[in-house]
Amino acid sequence: MKLINSMKKLGVGILLASLLVTGLEAKEKYTKEDRVKDMLTMAEGLDDIQMGLLYRCKDGSCVKTGIERIKKVLHTIDKVDPEFFLDKDQVYANKFAKKTRSMIEMYLTEIEDAVKKDDKEEILHNYSLTMRQCMSCHIRLRK
């Protein structure tokens, strides 16, 4: 009887473990829709920063919101291998995407510092560098 109960528990454990693994695998898939959503979120963040530069939000709240939006999706680059959705001739994509992510993050941090100092020229400078990184990725990886 104990053997049967132990086997039942083992079977249930294996079933739960396999369901957990299957569920985790499903969550890790990064679809084209996910990618488009992330890119739109980053574009909205850039728009927020630009609006802040054009004095829509004199207190810097638009710029801060834009930075938060962009940073929210930057982590995806660390979790997803771009080779999963790019052509085979773009094998360098993973390294390039991670470098681009780190550069964007650095520029966003510089923008945050400039907002605290109310230095619009520094915000603009780092916004331009951020946009350049975005465009670089789009030019190299999107065909």
N, C-alpha and C. Protein backbone atom coordinates (compact mmCIF):
# COMPACT_ATOMS: atom_id res chain seq x y z
N MET A 1 0.81 -1.19 0.00
CA MET A 1 0.00 0.00 0.00
C MET A 1 0.87 1.26 0.00
N LYS A 2 1.94 1.23 0.85
CA LYS A 2 2.84 2.38 0.90
C LYS A 2 3.52 2.58 -0.44
N LEU A 3 3.87 1.48 -1.08
CA LEU A 3 4.52 1.55 -2.39
C LEU A 3 3.60 2.20 -3.42
N ILE A 4 2.33 1.86 -3.39
CA ILE A 4 1.36 2.44 -4.33
C ILE A 4 1.20 3.93 -4.07
N ASN A 5 1.09 4.32 -2.79
CA ASN A 5 0.97 5.74 -2.44
C ASN A 5 2.21 6.52 -2.87
N SER A 6 3.38 5.92 -2.65
CA SER A 6 4.63 6.56 -3.05
C SER A 6 4.69 6.73 -4.56
N MET A 7 4.24 5.72 -5.29
CA MET A 7 4.25 5.80 -6.75
C MET A 7 3.26 6.85 -7.25
N LYS A 8 2.10 6.95 -6.57
CA LYS A 8 1.12 7.97 -6.94
C LYS A 8 1.70 9.36 -6.73
N LYS A 9 2.36 9.55 -5.57
CA LYS A 9 2.97 10.85 -5.27
C LYS A 9 4.05 11.19 -6.29
N LEU A 10 4.85 10.19 -6.64
CA LEU A 10 5.90 10.39 -7.63
C LEU A 10 5.30 10.77 -8.98
N GLY A 11 4.22 10.07 -9.36
CA GLY A 11 3.55 10.35 -10.63
C GLY A 11 2.99 11.76 -10.66
N VAL A 12 2.34 12.15 -9.56
CA VAL A 12 1.79 13.51 -9.47
C VAL A 12 2.92 14.54 -9.52
N GLY A 13 4.03 14.25 -8.84
CA GLY A 13 5.18 15.15 -8.85
C GLY A 13 5.75 15.33 -10.24
N ILE A 14 5.88 14.23 -10.95
CA ILE A 14 6.40 14.28 -12.33
C ILE A 14 5.44 15.06 -13.22
N LEU A 15 4.14 14.82 -13.06
CA LEU A 15 3.14 15.53 -13.85
C LEU A 15 3.20 17.03 -13.58
N LEU A 16 3.26 17.41 -12.30
CA LEU A 16 3.34 18.83 -11.96
C LEU A 16 4.62 19.48 -12.48
N ALA A 17 5.72 18.75 -12.36
CA ALA A 17 6.99 19.28 -12.86
C ALA A 17 6.94 19.49 -14.36
N SER A 18 6.37 18.53 -15.08
CA SER A 18 6.30 18.67 -16.54
C SER A 18 5.37 19.81 -16.94
N LEU A 19 4.27 20.00 -16.20
CA LEU A 19 3.38 21.12 -16.48
C LEU A 19 4.07 22.45 -16.21
N LEU A 20 4.84 22.50 -15.13
CA LEU A 20 5.58 23.71 -14.79
C LEU A 20 6.59 24.05 -15.88
N VAL A 21 7.34 23.06 -16.32
CA VAL A 21 8.34 23.28 -17.37
C VAL A 21 7.66 23.72 -18.66
N THR A 22 6.55 23.08 -19.01
CA THR A 22 5.81 23.46 -20.22
C THR A 22 5.30 24.89 -20.10
N GLY A 23 4.80 25.26 -18.93
CA GLY A 23 4.32 26.62 -18.72
C GLY A 23 5.43 27.63 -18.82
N LEU A 24 6.61 27.32 -18.28
CA LEU A 24 7.74 28.23 -18.35
C LEU A 24 8.21 28.39 -19.79
N GLU A 25 8.22 27.29 -20.54
CA GLU A 25 8.63 27.36 -21.95
C GLU A 25 7.71 28.26 -22.73
N ALA A 26 6.42 28.15 -22.46
CA ALA A 26 5.45 28.97 -23.18
C ALA A 26 5.66 30.45 -22.87
N LYS A 27 6.01 30.77 -21.63
CA LYS A 27 6.23 32.16 -21.25
C LYS A 27 7.50 32.72 -21.87
N GLU A 28 8.49 31.89 -22.14
CA GLU A 28 9.77 32.37 -22.66
C GLU A 28 9.74 32.61 -24.16
N LYS A 29 8.72 32.13 -24.85
CA LYS A 29 8.63 32.37 -26.28
C LYS A 29 8.42 33.86 -26.52
N TYR A 30 9.17 34.38 -27.44
CA TYR A 30 9.10 35.81 -27.76
C TYR A 30 8.60 35.92 -29.19
N THR A 31 7.34 36.25 -29.32
CA THR A 31 6.70 36.26 -30.63
C THR A 31 6.93 37.58 -31.35
N LYS A 32 6.58 37.59 -32.60
CA LYS A 32 6.68 38.82 -33.39
C LYS A 32 5.79 39.90 -32.77
N GLU A 33 4.63 39.49 -32.28
CA GLU A 33 3.72 40.44 -31.64
C GLU A 33 4.36 41.05 -30.40
N ASP A 34 5.07 40.22 -29.61
CA ASP A 34 5.78 40.72 -28.43
C ASP A 34 6.83 41.75 -28.84
N ARG A 35 7.56 41.43 -29.90
CA ARG A 35 8.62 42.31 -30.38
C ARG A 35 8.05 43.65 -30.86
N VAL A 36 6.97 43.59 -31.61
CA VAL A 36 6.33 44.81 -32.10
C VAL A 36 5.83 45.64 -30.92
N LYS A 37 5.23 44.99 -29.95
CA LYS A 37 4.73 45.70 -28.77
C LYS A 37 5.88 46.39 -28.03
N ASP A 38 7.00 45.68 -27.87
CA ASP A 38 8.16 46.27 -27.20
C ASP A 38 8.72 47.45 -27.98
N MET A 39 8.79 47.32 -29.30
CA MET A 39 9.31 48.42 -30.11
C MET A 39 8.38 49.64 -30.03
N LEU A 40 7.08 49.40 -30.02
CA LEU A 40 6.13 50.51 -29.89
C LEU A 40 6.26 51.18 -28.52
N THR A 41 6.49 50.39 -27.48
CA THR A 41 6.69 50.95 -26.15
C THR A 41 7.93 51.82 -26.12
N MET A 42 9.01 51.35 -26.77
CA MET A 42 10.23 52.15 -26.81
C MET A 42 10.00 53.43 -27.62
N ALA A 43 9.28 53.34 -28.73
CA ALA A 43 8.98 54.53 -29.53
C ALA A 43 8.14 55.53 -28.74
N GLU A 44 7.19 55.03 -27.96
CA GLU A 44 6.38 55.91 -27.11
C GLU A 44 7.27 56.59 -26.06
N GLY A 45 8.22 55.85 -25.53
CA GLY A 45 9.15 56.43 -24.57
C GLY A 45 9.98 57.53 -25.18
N LEU A 46 10.46 57.32 -26.41
CA LEU A 46 11.21 58.36 -27.11
C LEU A 46 10.32 59.59 -27.35
N ASP A 47 9.05 59.35 -27.70
CA ASP A 47 8.11 60.46 -27.89
C ASP A 47 7.93 61.25 -26.60
N ASP A 48 7.81 60.53 -25.48
CA ASP A 48 7.65 61.20 -24.18
C ASP A 48 8.85 62.11 -23.89
N ILE A 49 10.05 61.59 -24.14
CA ILE A 49 11.26 62.39 -23.90
C ILE A 49 11.26 63.63 -24.79
N GLN A 50 10.90 63.42 -26.07
CA GLN A 50 10.86 64.55 -26.99
C GLN A 50 9.84 65.59 -26.55
N MET A 51 8.67 65.15 -26.08
CA MET A 51 7.66 66.08 -25.60
C MET A 51 8.19 66.87 -24.39
N GLY A 52 8.93 66.20 -23.55
CA GLY A 52 9.53 66.88 -22.40
C GLY A 52 10.52 67.94 -22.84
N LEU A 53 11.25 67.64 -23.91
CA LEU A 53 12.21 68.61 -24.43
C LEU A 53 11.51 69.81 -25.05
N LEU A 54 10.35 69.60 -25.58
CA LEU A 54 9.60 70.68 -26.23
C LEU A 54 8.71 71.43 -25.23
N TYR A 55 9.03 71.29 -23.95
CA TYR A 55 8.37 72.01 -22.86
C TYR A 55 6.91 71.65 -22.66
N ARG A 56 6.55 70.44 -23.03
CA ARG A 56 5.21 69.97 -22.73
C ARG A 56 5.07 69.72 -21.23
N CYS A 57 6.14 69.24 -20.62
CA CYS A 57 6.14 68.92 -19.19
C CYS A 57 7.35 69.62 -18.56
N LYS A 58 7.16 70.79 -18.09
CA LYS A 58 8.27 71.59 -17.57
C LYS A 58 8.93 70.98 -16.34
N ASP A 59 8.20 70.12 -15.64
CA ASP A 59 8.76 69.50 -14.43
C ASP A 59 9.60 68.26 -14.73
N GLY A 60 9.73 67.91 -15.98
CA GLY A 60 10.53 66.75 -16.36
C GLY A 60 9.79 65.43 -16.28
N SER A 61 8.50 65.46 -15.95
CA SER A 61 7.75 64.21 -15.78
C SER A 61 7.62 63.43 -17.09
N CYS A 62 7.48 64.12 -18.23
CA CYS A 62 7.39 63.41 -19.52
C CYS A 62 8.70 62.67 -19.81
N VAL A 63 9.80 63.33 -19.54
CA VAL A 63 11.11 62.71 -19.79
C VAL A 63 11.27 61.49 -18.89
N LYS A 64 10.92 61.62 -17.63
CA LYS A 64 11.03 60.50 -16.70
C LYS A 64 10.13 59.34 -17.12
N THR A 65 8.92 59.66 -17.57
CA THR A 65 7.99 58.62 -18.04
C THR A 65 8.58 57.90 -19.25
N GLY A 66 9.16 58.67 -20.17
CA GLY A 66 9.77 58.07 -21.36
C GLY A 66 10.90 57.13 -21.00
N ILE A 67 11.73 57.55 -20.06
CA ILE A 67 12.85 56.71 -19.63
C ILE A 67 12.33 55.41 -19.02
N GLU A 68 11.30 55.52 -18.18
CA GLU A 68 10.72 54.34 -17.54
C GLU A 68 10.16 53.37 -18.58
N ARG A 69 9.48 53.90 -19.59
CA ARG A 69 8.90 53.04 -20.64
C ARG A 69 10.00 52.28 -21.38
N ILE A 70 11.04 52.98 -21.74
CA ILE A 70 12.12 52.34 -22.50
C ILE A 70 12.82 51.29 -21.65
N LYS A 71 13.16 51.65 -20.42
CA LYS A 71 13.87 50.72 -19.55
C LYS A 71 13.04 49.47 -19.25
N LYS A 72 11.73 49.64 -19.26
CA LYS A 72 10.83 48.51 -18.97
C LYS A 72 11.00 47.38 -19.99
N VAL A 73 11.30 47.72 -21.23
CA VAL A 73 11.43 46.68 -22.25
C VAL A 73 12.88 46.34 -22.60
N LEU A 74 13.84 47.12 -22.13
CA LEU A 74 15.24 46.83 -22.45
C LEU A 74 15.68 45.46 -21.92
N HIS A 75 15.10 45.03 -20.82
CA HIS A 75 15.49 43.74 -20.23
C HIS A 75 15.22 42.57 -21.17
N THR A 76 14.31 42.75 -22.11
CA THR A 76 13.96 41.69 -23.06
C THR A 76 15.19 41.24 -23.85
N ILE A 77 16.04 42.18 -24.18
CA ILE A 77 17.23 41.86 -24.98
C ILE A 77 18.12 40.86 -24.26
N ASP A 78 18.17 40.95 -22.94
CA ASP A 78 18.98 40.00 -22.18
C ASP A 78 18.35 38.62 -22.11
N LYS A 79 17.03 38.55 -22.22
CA LYS A 79 16.32 37.29 -22.05
C LYS A 79 16.07 36.54 -23.36
N VAL A 80 16.08 37.27 -24.47
CA VAL A 80 15.72 36.66 -25.75
C VAL A 80 16.92 36.72 -26.69
N ASP A 81 17.20 35.61 -27.32
CA ASP A 81 18.28 35.55 -28.29
C ASP A 81 17.74 36.05 -29.64
N PRO A 82 18.25 37.17 -30.14
CA PRO A 82 17.74 37.70 -31.41
C PRO A 82 17.91 36.71 -32.57
N GLU A 83 18.83 35.78 -32.43
CA GLU A 83 19.01 34.78 -33.49
C GLU A 83 17.75 33.94 -33.66
N PHE A 84 16.91 33.90 -32.62
CA PHE A 84 15.66 33.15 -32.66
C PHE A 84 14.73 33.68 -33.75
N PHE A 85 14.75 35.00 -34.00
CA PHE A 85 13.81 35.56 -34.96
C PHE A 85 14.47 36.27 -36.13
N LEU A 86 15.81 36.27 -36.19
CA LEU A 86 16.49 36.92 -37.31
C LEU A 86 17.06 35.89 -38.29
N ASP A 87 17.41 36.36 -39.47
CA ASP A 87 17.99 35.49 -40.50
C ASP A 87 19.35 34.97 -40.07
N LYS A 88 19.75 33.86 -40.67
CA LYS A 88 21.03 33.22 -40.33
C LYS A 88 22.23 34.10 -40.66
N ASP A 89 22.09 34.99 -41.63
CA ASP A 89 23.21 35.86 -41.99
C ASP A 89 23.41 36.98 -40.96
N GLN A 90 22.58 37.00 -39.95
CA GLN A 90 22.69 38.02 -38.91
C GLN A 90 23.10 37.38 -37.57
N VAL A 91 24.08 36.49 -37.64
CA VAL A 91 24.50 35.75 -36.45
C VAL A 91 25.13 36.63 -35.38
N TYR A 92 25.59 37.79 -35.75
CA TYR A 92 26.19 38.72 -34.80
C TYR A 92 25.13 39.46 -33.98
N ALA A 93 23.88 39.22 -34.26
CA ALA A 93 22.79 40.02 -33.69
C ALA A 93 22.76 40.01 -32.17
N ASN A 94 23.00 38.89 -31.55
CA ASN A 94 22.90 38.80 -30.10
C ASN A 94 23.89 39.75 -29.42
N LYS A 95 25.14 39.67 -29.82
CA LYS A 95 26.17 40.54 -29.25
C LYS A 95 25.86 42.00 -29.54
N PHE A 96 25.47 42.28 -30.76
CA PHE A 96 25.15 43.65 -31.16
C PHE A 96 23.97 44.20 -30.36
N ALA A 97 22.92 43.40 -30.20
CA ALA A 97 21.73 43.84 -29.48
C ALA A 97 22.06 44.14 -28.01
N LYS A 98 22.88 43.30 -27.40
CA LYS A 98 23.25 43.52 -26.00
C LYS A 98 24.10 44.78 -25.84
N LYS A 99 25.00 45.02 -26.78
CA LYS A 99 25.81 46.23 -26.73
C LYS A 99 24.92 47.47 -26.91
N THR A 100 24.01 47.39 -27.85
CA THR A 100 23.09 48.50 -28.08
C THR A 100 22.25 48.77 -26.84
N ARG A 101 21.76 47.70 -26.20
CA ARG A 101 20.97 47.85 -24.98
C ARG A 101 21.76 48.57 -23.90
N SER A 102 23.01 48.17 -23.72
CA SER A 102 23.81 48.80 -22.66
C SER A 102 24.09 50.27 -22.98
N MET A 103 24.29 50.60 -24.25
CA MET A 103 24.52 51.99 -24.63
C MET A 103 23.25 52.82 -24.40
N ILE A 104 22.09 52.28 -24.77
CA ILE A 104 20.83 53.00 -24.55
C ILE A 104 20.62 53.22 -23.06
N GLU A 105 20.87 52.21 -22.28
CA GLU A 105 20.70 52.33 -20.83
C GLU A 105 21.63 53.41 -20.26
N MET A 106 22.86 53.46 -20.74
CA MET A 106 23.80 54.47 -20.28
C MET A 106 23.30 55.87 -20.63
N TYR A 107 22.83 56.06 -21.87
CA TYR A 107 22.35 57.37 -22.29
C TYR A 107 21.10 57.77 -21.49
N LEU A 108 20.24 56.81 -21.20
CA LEU A 108 19.04 57.12 -20.41
C LEU A 108 19.42 57.55 -18.99
N THR A 109 20.45 56.93 -18.44
CA THR A 109 20.93 57.33 -17.12
C THR A 109 21.47 58.76 -17.16
N GLU A 110 22.17 59.08 -18.24
CA GLU A 110 22.67 60.45 -18.42
C GLU A 110 21.51 61.45 -18.52
N ILE A 111 20.44 61.03 -19.19
CA ILE A 111 19.27 61.90 -19.31
C ILE A 111 18.65 62.11 -17.93
N GLU A 112 18.55 61.05 -17.15
CA GLU A 112 18.01 61.18 -15.79
C GLU A 112 18.81 62.19 -14.97
N ASP A 113 20.13 62.09 -15.06
CA ASP A 113 20.99 63.03 -14.34
C ASP A 113 20.77 64.46 -14.82
N ALA A 114 20.62 64.62 -16.14
CA ALA A 114 20.42 65.96 -16.72
C ALA A 114 19.06 66.54 -16.31
N VAL A 115 18.05 65.69 -16.15
CA VAL A 115 16.74 66.17 -15.71
C VAL A 115 16.85 66.75 -14.30
N LYS A 116 17.61 66.08 -13.45
CA LYS A 116 17.79 66.57 -12.07
C LYS A 116 18.45 67.94 -12.06
N LYS A 117 19.33 68.19 -13.04
CA LYS A 117 20.03 69.48 -13.12
C LYS A 117 19.27 70.50 -13.98
N ASP A 118 18.16 70.04 -14.58
CA ASP A 118 17.38 70.86 -15.51
C ASP A 118 18.25 71.36 -16.66
N ASP A 119 19.10 70.46 -17.18
CA ASP A 119 20.02 70.78 -18.26
C ASP A 119 19.45 70.26 -19.58
N LYS A 120 18.66 71.09 -20.23
CA LYS A 120 17.96 70.70 -21.46
C LYS A 120 18.93 70.30 -22.59
N GLU A 121 20.05 71.00 -22.68
CA GLU A 121 21.01 70.67 -23.73
C GLU A 121 21.59 69.28 -23.53
N GLU A 122 21.86 68.92 -22.30
CA GLU A 122 22.40 67.58 -22.01
C GLU A 122 21.33 66.51 -22.26
N ILE A 123 20.08 66.83 -21.93
CA ILE A 123 18.99 65.90 -22.22
C ILE A 123 18.91 65.68 -23.73
N LEU A 124 18.94 66.77 -24.49
CA LEU A 124 18.86 66.68 -25.95
C LEU A 124 20.03 65.88 -26.52
N HIS A 125 21.23 66.15 -26.02
CA HIS A 125 22.42 65.45 -26.50
C HIS A 125 22.27 63.94 -26.29
N ASN A 126 21.89 63.53 -25.09
CA ASN A 126 21.77 62.10 -24.81
C ASN A 126 20.54 61.47 -25.45
N TYR A 127 19.50 62.27 -25.66
CA TYR A 127 18.34 61.80 -26.42
C TYR A 127 18.77 61.46 -27.85
N SER A 128 19.56 62.35 -28.45
CA SER A 128 20.06 62.12 -29.82
C SER A 128 20.91 60.86 -29.89
N LEU A 129 21.76 60.66 -28.88
CA LEU A 129 22.60 59.46 -28.86
C LEU A 129 21.75 58.20 -28.68
N THR A 130 20.70 58.31 -27.88
CA THR A 130 19.78 57.18 -27.70
C THR A 130 19.10 56.85 -29.01
N MET A 131 18.59 57.87 -29.68
CA MET A 131 17.92 57.67 -30.97
C MET A 131 18.89 57.08 -32.00
N ARG A 132 20.14 57.51 -31.95
CA ARG A 132 21.14 56.97 -32.87
C ARG A 132 21.33 55.46 -32.65
N GLN A 133 21.34 55.04 -31.38
CA GLN A 133 21.46 53.61 -31.08
C GLN A 133 20.26 52.84 -31.60
N CYS A 134 19.07 53.41 -31.42
CA CYS A 134 17.86 52.75 -31.92
C CYS A 134 17.93 52.59 -33.45
N MET A 135 18.30 53.67 -34.12
CA MET A 135 18.37 53.64 -35.58
C MET A 135 19.45 52.69 -36.06
N SER A 136 20.56 52.65 -35.36
CA SER A 136 21.64 51.74 -35.73
C SER A 136 21.15 50.29 -35.74
N CYS A 137 20.41 49.94 -34.70
CA CYS A 137 19.87 48.59 -34.61
C CYS A 137 18.88 48.32 -35.74
N HIS A 138 18.01 49.28 -36.01
CA HIS A 138 17.02 49.11 -37.06
C HIS A 138 17.67 49.00 -38.43
N ILE A 139 18.70 49.80 -38.67
CA ILE A 139 19.38 49.76 -39.96
C ILE A 139 20.09 48.42 -40.16
N ARG A 140 20.75 47.92 -39.13
CA ARG A 140 21.52 46.69 -39.27
C ARG A 140 20.68 45.43 -39.23
N LEU A 141 19.64 45.41 -38.40
CA LEU A 141 18.91 44.17 -38.17
C LEU A 141 17.58 44.06 -38.88
N ARG A 142 17.00 45.16 -39.26
CA ARG A 142 15.71 45.09 -39.96
C ARG A 142 15.94 45.26 -41.44
N LYS A 143 15.40 44.34 -42.19
CA LYS A 143 15.58 44.38 -43.64
C LYS A 143 14.26 44.45 -44.33
